[in-house]
Structures are given as structure tokens and as C-alpha cells.
Protein backbone atom coordinates (compact mmCIF):
# COMPACT_ATOMS: atom_id res chain seq x y z
CA MET A 1 27.37 -6.36 11.58
CA THR A 2 24.05 -6.79 10.16
CA ARG A 3 21.62 -4.03 11.53
CA LEU A 4 18.41 -5.88 12.73
CA VAL A 5 14.70 -4.13 12.53
CA ASN A 6 11.40 -5.30 13.61
CA CYS A 7 9.70 -5.65 10.48
CA LYS A 8 6.37 -4.34 10.28
CA LYS A 9 5.41 -6.50 7.21
CA TYR A 10 6.78 -9.78 8.85
CA SER A 11 5.89 -9.14 12.59
CA LYS A 12 9.69 -10.32 13.67
CA GLU A 13 13.32 -9.29 13.86
CA MET A 14 15.13 -8.86 10.18
CA PRO A 15 18.08 -7.48 8.85
CA GLY A 16 17.24 -4.17 7.79
CA LEU A 17 18.20 -1.49 5.22
CA ASP A 18 21.78 -0.25 4.79
CA GLN A 19 20.41 3.03 4.30
CA PRO A 20 17.06 4.78 4.04
CA PRO A 21 15.68 4.67 0.66
CA TYR A 22 14.07 8.18 0.39
CA PRO A 23 15.21 11.12 2.07
CA GLY A 24 13.37 12.49 5.01
CA PRO A 25 10.74 11.37 7.70
CA LYS A 26 9.18 8.51 5.41
CA GLY A 27 12.57 7.19 4.59
CA GLU A 28 13.73 7.19 8.04
CA GLU A 29 10.41 5.38 8.97
CA ILE A 30 10.83 2.59 6.25
CA PHE A 31 14.56 2.41 7.71
CA ASN A 32 13.66 1.85 11.05
CA ASN A 33 10.72 -0.63 10.60
CA VAL A 34 10.97 -2.32 7.17
CA SER A 35 13.51 -5.38 6.65
CA LYS A 36 15.47 -5.66 3.73
CA ARG A 37 13.67 -8.58 2.22
CA ALA A 38 10.15 -6.58 2.58
CA TRP A 39 11.85 -3.69 0.83
CA GLU A 40 13.06 -5.95 -2.10
CA GLU A 41 9.80 -7.68 -2.40
CA TRP A 42 8.05 -4.32 -2.59
CA LEU A 43 10.49 -3.09 -5.19
CA ASP A 44 9.59 -5.93 -7.48
CA HIS A 45 6.01 -6.12 -6.54
CA GLN A 46 6.04 -2.04 -7.33
CA LYS A 47 7.86 -3.25 -10.80
CA MET A 48 4.90 -5.25 -11.59
CA LEU A 49 2.24 -2.90 -10.77
CA ILE A 50 3.79 -0.46 -12.90
CA ASN A 51 4.35 -2.87 -16.13
CA GLU A 52 1.56 -4.59 -16.00
CA GLY A 53 -0.97 -1.47 -14.91
CA GLN A 54 0.80 0.85 -17.50
CA ILE A 55 1.01 3.22 -14.81
CA ASN A 56 2.27 6.67 -15.76
CA LEU A 57 4.38 8.00 -12.78
CA THR A 58 4.10 12.00 -14.25
CA ASP A 59 0.39 11.72 -13.00
CA LYS A 60 0.16 12.85 -9.45
CA GLU A 61 -2.58 10.67 -8.91
CA ALA A 62 -0.64 7.60 -9.86
CA ARG A 63 1.97 8.32 -7.81
CA LYS A 64 -0.40 8.94 -4.71
CA TRP A 65 -1.95 5.73 -5.28
CA LEU A 66 1.45 3.87 -5.72
CA SER A 67 2.69 5.24 -2.58
CA GLU A 68 -0.87 4.16 -0.82
CA GLN A 69 0.12 0.51 -2.07
CA MET A 70 3.06 0.82 -0.69
CA GLU A 71 2.00 1.11 2.86
CA LEU A 72 -0.40 -1.60 2.65
CA PHE A 73 2.45 -4.04 1.16
CA LEU A 74 4.73 -2.85 4.07
CA SER A 75 2.11 -3.33 6.58
CA GLY A 76 1.15 -6.72 5.68
CA GLN A 77 -2.37 -5.66 4.54
CA ASP A 78 -4.29 -6.42 1.38
CA TYR A 79 -2.95 -4.52 -1.52
CA ALA A 80 -3.30 -4.33 -5.23
CA LYS A 81 -2.45 -7.25 -7.52
CA PRO A 82 -2.66 -6.97 -11.29
CA LYS A 83 -5.26 -9.15 -13.11
CA GLY A 84 -4.33 -12.87 -12.93
CA TYR A 85 -1.40 -12.24 -10.38
CA ARG A 86 -0.48 -15.63 -8.66
CA PRO A 87 2.07 -15.46 -5.95
CA GLU A 88 4.85 -17.33 -6.36
CA LYS A 89 5.56 -20.72 -3.94
């Protein structure tokens, strides 16, 4: 049976993740409030931000910025996009 969550990105009930994506409270918050679809979309967008922006994940500030972008993305707020980004239709 599919577990449903009230997705904070889409503001509707949708299928949730099978398990928390991170250990600890942050993972639990995502597990309980983010749909599987929104999480998969974030992972794709995160890859694009890292690759296009040539983000160095060993840099603490870069990881902090990426975490902030994740919060914005998953909350349905305005988030960073690579230069020339055009969303898929």
C-alpha cells in the first residue's frame, strides 16, 4: 500500500517516500512532508545546480547554499536556477 503525505511543494496529498532520505530530524521532516515526486524532482534539479554551477561539495558554504536551495525548492518558493534554465513542459 502506498503511503500518502501532504506534500508541502504541491499542497496536496501525494505518494510519499519509502524511507527518510537523510538520518535525523531533517530526514524525518522530508519523509513526512515531501512527496516522492517532489523529492525526485529536487534530486534532478540538485544535479543540474551542481554540474552547471560547478559546485564544490567539499566547500562548507557551497553545501549550506545547496541545503538552502533544497528548502526553497521543496517549499514551492523561488529557488536558484542555472543561467539559461528553461523548465521542461
